[in-house]
Amino acid sequence: MSRIAVILVRQAALAAVVFMSITAALAQAPAPAAKAPAAAASKGYTAPRTPDGQPDLQGIWSSATVTPLERPAEFANKEFLTPAEVVEYERAARDRNNQDNRSKDRTTDVASAYNDAWWDRGTKVVKTRRTSLVVDPPNGRLPARTPEALAKLSASMEVQRTKCRTAACSEGTLSAADGPEDRPPGERCIVWGSSVPPMMPSAYNNNYQIVQTAGYVAILIEMIHDVRIIPIDGTPHMPSKVRTWLGDSRGHWEGDTLVVETTNFNGQAAKEYDTSFKNASKNYRLVERFTRTDAETLTYRYTVEDPQTFTRPFTAELPLARSSEPLYEYACHEGNYGMTGLLEGAREIEKARELEKNKK
């Protein structure tokens, strides 16, 4: 057995252990006082039921897609692509994202990190053929930021500029690195932006496993193996002074749709690869809706309300596709050696810059 095969076997085994642990924990949870209400048929499709009568959302679902969050300028007021446009857009996205297309620029080439086999950005637009995940505002774009949010973002960028003393910083390839606290949560193996709700497509690890019991729904996130355990038995939210990375989620059923409200974010889990959510207020409120629309699709729709950051709420919709693949363990840096290397590299760049300065 090859080394890669051994690694994959070990990852699958670890994923199974995580899954069994979650299932065992949920099985011991108290049942709600009453069953969820019976769901009505929707669009000619009736979702299967769990033994206690809930719409069955269980399984592994993928959010991978090349459809962007915001509508590209090239599509202006065009809400949907034609079949021919879908083919061309997907082809262009595959070419653009292909990490096996070697760059003539050595720095850019090295920064790509892995060949294309290790990435999972998706290759298809969403099945609705929308030009953006944002469905409201109707223009497919995020609302404008508030003056308060713009000032906060500017202040954050100024801190980075003040701390950034290396030549690499001026080239835009390395931000402040005085210490680990300067780096985003993902690099510190605390939490990845794509594992913080709402569920957003990422460069890889786009899979989510849903497990249900009578009183709880659990979402196991492939990225950095976070788990959201969501009470659906009427349990109230935690006190507002209790803040967490993933927020505090509470769910209930509206027909065949699971509605989840999440509050109590700590405001520190900026989505490193999604600047639209950077520096979002810790008081933002997220409402997610999960609906089985056919045997292979779980329609995921969410609304963000954050009056401190955006001038109005916005809503996005993403059809999650059923996956036959298992979840794999995400081990981050295996001891976070990446952080050590990053900080050591920053010190070496500083030394080189100082030597060059002294020569003048």
Protein backbone atom coordinates (compact mmCIF):
# COMPACT_ATOMS: atom_id res chain seq x y z
CA MET A 1 0.00 0.00 0.00
CA SER A 2 1.36 3.41 -0.98
CA ARG A 3 2.09 6.09 1.60
CA ILE A 4 -0.81 8.20 0.29
CA ALA A 5 -3.16 5.22 0.56
CA VAL A 6 -2.08 4.60 4.15
CA ILE A 7 -2.71 8.24 5.00
CA LEU A 8 -6.18 8.12 3.46
CA VAL A 9 -7.05 4.94 5.36
CA ARG A 10 -5.93 6.55 8.62
CA GLN A 11 -7.95 9.69 7.83
CA ALA A 12 -11.06 7.68 7.10
CA ALA A 13 -10.67 5.79 10.37
CA LEU A 14 -10.29 9.02 12.33
CA ALA A 15 -13.34 10.52 10.62
CA ALA A 16 -15.33 7.43 11.62
CA VAL A 17 -14.25 7.84 15.25
CA VAL A 18 -15.37 11.49 15.21
CA PHE A 19 -18.72 10.54 13.68
CA MET A 20 -19.34 7.76 16.21
CA SER A 21 -18.43 10.06 19.08
CA ILE A 22 -20.94 12.68 17.94
CA THR A 23 -23.65 10.09 17.40
CA ALA A 24 -23.09 8.59 20.85
CA ALA A 25 -23.17 12.00 22.50
CA LEU A 26 -26.36 13.02 20.76
CA ALA A 27 -28.05 9.73 21.60
CA GLN A 28 -27.65 10.55 25.28
CA ALA A 29 -29.22 13.99 24.90
CA PRO A 30 -32.70 14.56 26.40
CA ALA A 31 -35.64 14.32 24.03
CA PRO A 32 -37.87 17.36 23.42
CA ALA A 33 -41.27 17.67 25.05
CA ALA A 34 -43.04 17.18 21.72
CA LYS A 35 -42.25 15.92 18.25
CA ALA A 36 -41.52 18.27 15.40
CA PRO A 37 -44.68 19.10 13.41
CA ALA A 38 -45.46 17.00 10.36
CA ALA A 39 -44.00 18.51 7.19
CA ALA A 40 -46.06 19.27 4.12
CA ALA A 41 -45.13 18.21 0.58
CA SER A 42 -43.17 20.84 -1.36
CA LYS A 43 -42.74 21.11 -5.12
CA GLY A 44 -43.84 17.52 -5.64
CA TYR A 45 -41.07 16.13 -3.46
CA THR A 46 -41.59 14.68 0.00
CA ALA A 47 -38.49 14.53 2.15
CA PRO A 48 -37.82 11.19 3.88
CA ARG A 49 -38.43 11.05 7.62
CA THR A 50 -36.34 10.09 10.62
CA PRO A 51 -37.84 7.51 13.03
CA ASP A 52 -39.29 10.34 15.14
CA GLY A 53 -40.95 12.04 12.17
CA GLN A 54 -38.54 14.86 11.34
CA PRO A 55 -37.60 15.63 7.72
CA ASP A 56 -34.38 13.68 7.27
CA LEU A 57 -31.49 16.02 6.45
CA GLN A 58 -28.80 13.51 7.36
CA GLY A 59 -25.88 12.72 5.12
CA ILE A 60 -22.77 14.36 3.74
CA TRP A 61 -23.32 17.51 1.71
CA SER A 62 -20.88 19.55 -0.38
CA SER A 63 -20.92 23.32 -0.83
CA ALA A 64 -18.25 23.33 -3.58
CA THR A 65 -19.19 25.59 -6.48
CA VAL A 66 -17.61 28.12 -8.83
CA THR A 67 -20.59 30.45 -8.42
CA PRO A 68 -19.32 33.49 -6.49
CA LEU A 69 -20.95 35.08 -3.47
CA GLU A 70 -21.47 38.36 -5.33
CA ARG A 71 -22.54 38.79 -8.94
CA PRO A 72 -19.55 39.56 -11.21
CA ALA A 73 -19.64 42.94 -12.93
CA GLU A 74 -19.68 41.21 -16.33
CA PHE A 75 -23.23 39.99 -15.64
CA ALA A 76 -24.57 43.32 -14.36
CA ASN A 77 -28.32 42.81 -13.88
CA LYS A 78 -28.33 39.27 -15.28
CA GLU A 79 -29.66 36.99 -12.54
CA PHE A 80 -29.38 33.64 -14.36
CA LEU A 81 -26.97 32.15 -16.88
CA THR A 82 -28.11 30.45 -20.06
CA PRO A 83 -27.03 26.81 -20.54
CA ALA A 84 -24.41 27.95 -23.06
CA GLU A 85 -23.09 30.57 -20.64
CA VAL A 86 -22.87 27.93 -17.92
CA VAL A 87 -20.57 25.79 -20.08
CA GLU A 88 -18.27 28.73 -20.85
CA TYR A 89 -18.24 30.03 -17.27
CA GLU A 90 -17.35 26.60 -15.86
CA ARG A 91 -14.59 26.14 -18.44
CA ALA A 92 -13.07 29.54 -17.60
CA ALA A 93 -13.29 28.82 -13.86
CA ARG A 94 -11.52 25.47 -14.25
CA ASP A 95 -8.72 27.10 -16.20
CA ARG A 96 -8.41 29.99 -13.76
CA ASN A 97 -8.33 27.77 -10.67
CA ASN A 98 -6.08 25.04 -12.06
CA GLN A 99 -2.99 25.02 -9.82
CA ASP A 100 -1.12 22.88 -12.34
CA ASN A 101 -0.90 25.92 -14.63
CA ARG A 102 2.63 26.94 -13.63
CA SER A 103 3.32 30.65 -13.34
CA LYS A 104 6.45 32.29 -14.74
CA ASP A 105 6.63 34.26 -11.49
CA ARG A 106 8.51 32.07 -8.96
CA THR A 107 6.94 33.75 -5.94
CA THR A 108 3.43 33.21 -7.26
CA ASP A 109 4.26 29.63 -8.22
CA VAL A 110 5.59 28.75 -4.76
CA ALA A 111 2.65 30.49 -3.10
CA SER A 112 0.29 28.09 -4.86
CA ALA A 113 1.52 25.52 -2.32
CA TYR A 114 -0.01 22.35 -3.81
CA ASN A 115 -0.80 20.91 -7.18
CA ASP A 116 -4.40 20.81 -8.36
CA ALA A 117 -5.17 17.34 -6.94
CA TRP A 118 -5.27 18.77 -3.41
CA TRP A 119 -7.80 21.52 -4.09
CA ASP A 120 -11.60 21.24 -4.20
CA ARG A 121 -12.98 24.57 -5.32
CA GLY A 122 -15.70 22.89 -7.31
CA THR A 123 -16.12 22.86 -11.06
CA LYS A 124 -19.83 23.61 -11.50
CA VAL A 125 -22.11 26.60 -11.08
CA VAL A 126 -25.06 26.10 -8.72
CA LYS A 127 -27.87 24.05 -10.24
CA THR A 128 -30.20 27.07 -10.28
CA ARG A 129 -27.72 28.73 -12.70
CA ARG A 130 -27.71 31.93 -10.65
CA THR A 131 -24.87 34.33 -11.28
CA SER A 132 -24.33 34.85 -7.54
CA LEU A 133 -25.13 33.20 -4.24
CA VAL A 134 -26.58 36.49 -3.00
CA VAL A 135 -30.28 36.57 -3.92
CA ASP A 136 -31.21 39.71 -1.98
CA PRO A 137 -30.44 42.57 -2.70
CA PRO A 138 -31.72 41.79 -6.20
CA ASN A 139 -28.50 43.07 -7.80
CA GLY A 140 -26.67 40.07 -6.35
CA ARG A 141 -24.24 42.28 -4.45
CA LEU A 142 -23.63 42.74 -0.75
CA PRO A 143 -25.08 45.88 0.84
CA ALA A 144 -22.83 48.87 1.44
CA ARG A 145 -20.85 48.95 4.67
CA THR A 146 -21.76 51.41 7.38
CA PRO A 147 -19.39 54.29 8.20
CA GLU A 148 -18.68 52.53 11.50
CA ALA A 149 -17.61 49.34 9.70
CA LEU A 150 -15.46 51.23 7.19
CA ALA A 151 -13.68 53.05 10.02
CA LYS A 152 -13.07 49.77 11.82
CA LEU A 153 -11.67 48.15 8.67
CA SER A 154 -9.41 51.14 8.02
CA ALA A 155 -8.09 51.03 11.59
CA SER A 156 -7.35 47.32 11.27
CA MET A 157 -5.46 47.87 8.04
CA GLU A 158 -3.48 50.72 9.60
CA VAL A 159 -2.38 48.42 12.44
CA GLN A 160 -1.13 45.95 9.84
CA ARG A 161 0.74 48.69 7.96
CA THR A 162 2.31 50.01 11.16
CA LYS A 163 3.55 46.58 12.22
CA CYS A 164 4.61 45.51 8.76
CA ARG A 165 8.31 46.32 8.48
CA THR A 166 9.52 43.75 5.95
CA ALA A 167 10.20 44.13 2.25
CA ALA A 168 7.72 41.34 1.60
CA CYS A 169 4.95 43.42 3.18
CA SER A 170 5.36 46.19 0.63
CA GLU A 171 5.02 43.57 -2.08
CA GLY A 172 1.71 42.48 -0.60
CA THR A 173 2.85 38.91 0.06
CA LEU A 174 3.20 39.04 3.83
CA SER A 175 1.23 41.04 6.39
CA ALA A 176 2.31 41.83 9.96
CA ALA A 177 4.06 38.94 11.72
CA ASP A 178 5.50 40.26 14.99
CA GLY A 179 3.90 37.29 16.72
CA PRO A 180 1.10 34.71 16.40
CA GLU A 181 -1.49 37.25 17.53
CA ASP A 182 -0.94 39.18 14.28
CA ARG A 183 -2.00 36.20 12.20
CA PRO A 184 -5.62 35.22 11.39
CA PRO A 185 -7.38 32.46 13.39
CA GLY A 186 -6.98 29.92 10.57
CA GLU A 187 -3.20 30.15 10.54
CA ARG A 188 -3.26 29.71 14.31
CA CYS A 189 -5.35 26.53 13.97
CA ILE A 190 -8.12 28.06 16.09
CA VAL A 191 -10.92 28.23 13.53
CA TRP A 192 -11.09 28.59 9.77
CA GLY A 193 -13.32 31.25 8.27
CA SER A 194 -15.16 28.69 6.13
CA SER A 195 -16.09 26.67 9.24
CA VAL A 196 -17.81 29.67 10.85
CA PRO A 197 -21.48 29.96 9.85
CA PRO A 198 -22.83 30.79 7.38
CA MET A 199 -21.54 27.83 5.40
CA MET A 200 -19.50 29.20 2.50
CA PRO A 201 -17.65 27.49 -0.36
CA SER A 202 -13.91 27.37 0.18
CA ALA A 203 -10.80 26.17 -1.64
CA TYR A 204 -11.14 22.68 -0.15
CA ASN A 205 -12.83 20.72 2.67
CA ASN A 206 -16.25 21.85 1.48
CA ASN A 207 -18.13 18.95 3.08
CA TYR A 208 -20.57 18.88 5.99
CA GLN A 209 -22.10 15.86 7.71
CA ILE A 210 -25.51 16.28 9.33
CA VAL A 211 -26.64 13.98 12.14
CA GLN A 212 -30.08 14.22 13.78
CA THR A 213 -31.72 13.03 17.00
CA ALA A 214 -35.07 13.96 18.51
CA GLY A 215 -33.78 17.08 20.25
CA TYR A 216 -30.60 18.01 18.39
CA VAL A 217 -29.06 18.47 14.97
CA ALA A 218 -25.28 18.26 14.67
CA ILE A 219 -23.24 19.55 11.74
CA LEU A 220 -19.74 18.10 11.50
CA ILE A 221 -17.60 20.45 9.42
CA GLU A 222 -14.78 18.89 7.42
CA MET A 223 -12.68 22.04 7.64
CA ILE A 224 -10.70 21.93 10.91
CA HIS A 225 -13.23 19.32 12.21
CA ASP A 226 -15.48 21.79 14.05
CA VAL A 227 -18.93 20.63 15.16
CA ARG A 228 -22.08 22.67 15.60
CA ILE A 229 -24.53 21.02 18.02
CA ILE A 230 -27.90 22.72 17.59
CA PRO A 231 -30.74 22.18 20.10
CA ILE A 232 -34.17 21.99 18.44
CA ASP A 233 -36.13 21.41 21.65
CA GLY A 234 -36.92 25.01 22.55
CA THR A 235 -33.81 25.56 24.66
CA PRO A 236 -33.20 29.35 24.90
CA HIS A 237 -30.02 31.04 23.71
CA MET A 238 -27.11 31.38 26.11
CA PRO A 239 -26.76 34.72 27.96
CA SER A 240 -25.50 37.50 25.70
CA LYS A 241 -22.26 37.75 27.68
CA VAL A 242 -21.29 34.22 26.54
CA ARG A 243 -19.55 34.54 23.17
CA THR A 244 -18.08 31.77 21.02
CA TRP A 245 -16.20 31.40 17.73
CA LEU A 246 -19.11 29.65 15.98
CA GLY A 247 -21.87 31.51 17.81
CA ASP A 248 -24.80 30.02 19.72
CA SER A 249 -27.32 28.21 17.49
CA ARG A 250 -30.94 27.28 18.20
CA GLY A 251 -33.24 25.55 15.71
CA HIS A 252 -36.87 24.73 15.07
CA TRP A 253 -38.95 23.24 12.27
CA GLU A 254 -41.17 25.22 9.93
CA GLY A 255 -42.83 22.52 7.85
CA ASP A 256 -40.04 20.63 6.06
CA THR A 257 -37.52 23.40 6.71
CA LEU A 258 -35.06 23.47 9.60
CA VAL A 259 -34.65 27.09 10.70
CA VAL A 260 -31.54 27.89 12.74
CA GLU A 261 -30.89 31.22 14.46
CA THR A 262 -27.30 31.92 15.52
CA THR A 263 -26.19 34.77 17.78
CA ASN A 264 -23.50 35.34 20.44
CA PHE A 265 -20.52 35.40 18.04
CA ASN A 266 -17.26 36.62 19.55
CA GLY A 267 -16.51 38.86 16.56
CA GLN A 268 -12.98 37.47 16.12
CA ALA A 269 -13.49 34.78 13.49
CA ALA A 270 -12.94 36.94 10.42
CA LYS A 271 -13.24 34.97 7.22
CA GLU A 272 -9.69 35.20 5.90
CA TYR A 273 -10.61 34.45 2.30
CA ASP A 274 -13.89 36.35 2.20
CA THR A 275 -13.25 40.05 2.75
CA SER A 276 -16.97 40.79 2.74
CA PHE A 277 -17.20 39.35 6.26
CA LYS A 278 -13.97 40.71 7.69
CA ASN A 279 -14.41 42.75 10.85
CA ALA A 280 -18.11 41.90 11.07
CA SER A 281 -19.78 42.95 14.30
CA LYS A 282 -19.94 40.39 17.10
CA ASN A 283 -23.64 41.24 17.39
CA TYR A 284 -24.65 40.04 13.96
CA ARG A 285 -27.59 37.66 13.72
CA LEU A 286 -27.69 34.77 11.29
CA VAL A 287 -30.83 32.87 10.25
CA GLU A 288 -30.24 29.69 8.21
CA ARG A 289 -32.85 27.55 6.45
CA PHE A 290 -32.19 23.93 5.42
CA THR A 291 -34.70 22.25 3.08
CA ARG A 292 -34.49 18.95 1.20
CA THR A 293 -35.67 19.88 -2.28
CA ASP A 294 -34.87 16.55 -3.95
CA ALA A 295 -33.04 13.33 -3.16
CA GLU A 296 -29.65 14.80 -4.03
CA THR A 297 -30.06 18.43 -2.93
CA LEU A 298 -30.26 20.23 0.39
CA THR A 299 -31.13 23.86 -0.30
CA TYR A 300 -29.32 26.12 2.13
CA ARG A 301 -30.53 29.70 2.46
CA TYR A 302 -29.28 32.21 5.00
CA THR A 303 -29.90 35.82 6.01
CA VAL A 304 -27.33 38.01 7.75
CA GLU A 305 -28.47 40.95 9.87
CA ASP A 306 -25.64 43.14 11.10
CA PRO A 307 -26.67 46.82 11.27
CA GLN A 308 -23.26 47.76 12.65
CA THR A 309 -21.54 46.41 9.52
CA PHE A 310 -24.05 46.50 6.65
CA THR A 311 -26.63 49.12 5.76
CA ARG A 312 -29.29 46.43 5.30
CA PRO A 313 -29.67 42.65 5.73
CA PHE A 314 -28.75 40.33 2.87
CA THR A 315 -29.74 36.81 1.86
CA ALA A 316 -27.81 34.13 -0.02
CA GLU A 317 -28.83 30.70 -1.28
CA LEU A 318 -26.62 27.69 -1.99
CA PRO A 319 -27.87 24.27 -3.11
CA LEU A 320 -25.73 21.70 -1.26
CA ALA A 321 -25.09 18.52 -3.26
CA ARG A 322 -25.17 15.07 -1.68
CA SER A 323 -21.71 13.50 -1.56
CA SER A 324 -20.83 9.82 -1.58
CA GLU A 325 -17.33 10.58 -0.28
CA PRO A 326 -16.41 10.34 3.43
CA LEU A 327 -15.22 13.27 5.50
CA TYR A 328 -11.48 13.30 6.08
CA GLU A 329 -9.63 14.48 9.13
CA TYR A 330 -8.27 18.01 8.88
CA ALA A 331 -5.10 18.12 10.96
CA CYS A 332 -4.18 21.79 10.37
CA HIS A 333 -0.41 22.18 10.92
CA GLU A 334 0.32 18.92 12.81
CA GLY A 335 1.74 20.86 15.75
CA ASN A 336 1.45 24.24 14.00
CA TYR A 337 4.93 24.09 12.46
CA GLY A 338 3.58 26.41 9.79
CA MET A 339 3.32 29.24 12.32
CA THR A 340 6.92 28.69 13.45
CA GLY A 341 8.13 28.75 9.86
CA LEU A 342 6.12 31.87 9.05
CA LEU A 343 7.51 33.84 11.99
CA GLU A 344 11.07 32.63 11.40
CA GLY A 345 10.75 33.58 7.76
CA ALA A 346 9.58 37.07 8.72
CA ARG A 347 12.62 37.50 10.99
CA GLU A 348 14.96 36.42 8.17
CA ILE A 349 13.35 38.90 5.78
CA GLU A 350 13.81 41.64 8.37
CA LYS A 351 17.49 40.74 8.79
CA ALA A 352 18.04 40.78 5.04
CA ARG A 353 16.32 44.13 4.76
CA GLU A 354 18.46 45.57 7.58
CA LEU A 355 21.67 44.31 5.94
CA GLU A 356 20.67 45.88 2.65
CA LYS A 357 19.91 49.14 4.43
CA ASN A 358 23.34 49.19 6.16
CA LYS A 359 25.12 48.72 2.84
CA LYS A 360 23.76 52.01 1.55
